[in-house]
C-alpha atoms as a PDB file:
ATOM      1  CA  MET A   1      18.346 -38.137 -83.364  1.00  0.00           C
ATOM      2  CA  PRO A   2      19.949 -34.737 -82.636  1.00  0.00           C
ATOM      3  CA  SER A   3      22.269 -34.342 -79.656  1.00  0.00           C
ATOM      4  CA  SER A   4      20.555 -32.769 -76.664  1.00  0.00           C
ATOM      5  CA  GLN A   5      21.889 -29.432 -75.515  1.00  0.00           C
ATOM      6  CA  PRO A   6      21.277 -27.926 -72.080  1.00  0.00           C
ATOM      7  CA  ILE A   7      18.630 -25.255 -72.128  1.00  0.00           C
ATOM      8  CA  ASP A   8      19.854 -21.855 -70.965  1.00  0.00           C
ATOM      9  CA  ILE A   9      17.711 -20.597 -68.114  1.00  0.00           C
ATOM     10  CA  PRO A  10      18.333 -16.857 -67.639  1.00  0.00           C
ATOM     11  CA  ASP A  11      17.169 -16.739 -63.996  1.00  0.00           C
ATOM     12  CA  ALA A  12      19.367 -19.629 -62.888  1.00  0.00           C
ATOM     13  CA  LYS A  13      22.496 -17.502 -62.592  1.00  0.00           C
ATOM     14  CA  LYS A  14      20.767 -14.752 -60.626  1.00  0.00           C
ATOM     15  CA  ARG A  15      19.240 -17.070 -58.064  1.00  0.00           C
ATOM     16  CA  GLY A  16      21.692 -17.567 -55.229  1.00  0.00           C
ATOM     17  CA  ARG A  17      21.403 -19.279 -51.921  1.00  0.00           C
ATOM     18  CA  LYS A  18      19.229 -17.705 -49.302  1.00  0.00           C
ATOM     19  CA  LYS A  19      21.235 -16.146 -46.524  1.00  0.00           C
ATOM     20  CA  LYS A  20      20.373 -17.285 -43.057  1.00  0.00           C
ATOM     21  CA  ARG A  21      18.862 -14.407 -41.173  1.00  0.00           C
ATOM     22  CA  CYS A  22      20.901 -13.466 -38.158  1.00  0.00           C
ATOM     23  CA  ARG A  23      18.759 -13.780 -35.086  1.00  0.00           C
ATOM     24  CA  ALA A  24      19.037 -11.106 -32.438  1.00  0.00           C
ATOM     25  CA  THR A  25      19.820 -13.738 -29.815  1.00  0.00           C
ATOM     26  CA  ASP A  26      22.879 -14.913 -31.747  1.00  0.00           C
ATOM     27  CA  SER A  27      24.545 -11.509 -31.662  1.00  0.00           C
ATOM     28  CA  PHE A  28      23.384 -10.740 -28.129  1.00  0.00           C
ATOM     29  CA  SER A  29      26.418 -10.384 -25.916  1.00  0.00           C
ATOM     30  CA  GLY A  30      25.688  -9.454 -22.365  1.00  0.00           C
ATOM     31  CA  ARG A  31      23.017  -9.868 -19.799  1.00  0.00           C
ATOM     32  CA  PHE A  32      19.756  -8.071 -19.236  1.00  0.00           C
ATOM     33  CA  GLU A  33      21.360  -5.904 -16.568  1.00  0.00           C
ATOM     34  CA  ASP A  34      24.121  -4.832 -18.956  1.00  0.00           C
ATOM     35  CA  VAL A  35      21.691  -3.650 -21.608  1.00  0.00           C
ATOM     36  CA  TYR A  36      18.871  -2.207 -19.540  1.00  0.00           C
ATOM     37  CA  GLN A  37      19.134   0.020 -16.489  1.00  0.00           C
ATOM     38  CA  LEU A  38      16.326  -0.572 -14.050  1.00  0.00           C
ATOM     39  CA  GLN A  39      14.892   2.542 -12.477  1.00  0.00           C
ATOM     40  CA  GLU A  40      12.906   2.892  -9.282  1.00  0.00           C
ATOM     41  CA  ASP A  41       9.990   4.590 -11.031  1.00  0.00           C
ATOM     42  CA  VAL A  42       6.508   3.607  -9.920  1.00  0.00           C
ATOM     43  CA  LEU A  43       4.355   3.093 -12.960  1.00  0.00           C
ATOM     44  CA  GLY A  44       0.647   3.749 -13.244  1.00  0.00           C
ATOM     45  CA  GLU A  45      -2.102   1.181 -13.089  1.00  0.00           C
ATOM     46  CA  GLY A  46      -2.811   1.228 -16.812  1.00  0.00           C
ATOM     47  CA  ALA A  47      -6.231   1.355 -18.438  1.00  0.00           C
ATOM     48  CA  HIS A  48      -8.257  -0.590 -15.902  1.00  0.00           C
ATOM     49  CA  ALA A  49     -11.969   0.191 -16.142  1.00  0.00           C
END
């Protein structure tokens, strides 16, 4: 019986670990007031029929 050799898989070296996607909430530093400036504008009523 011949000795078994590992089979070379060409894609195995290319395939790395998936990176965790950075969520926007993780890098969010500050409060709502720091990011957005509220204005005293009166908005319209929208598309009410």
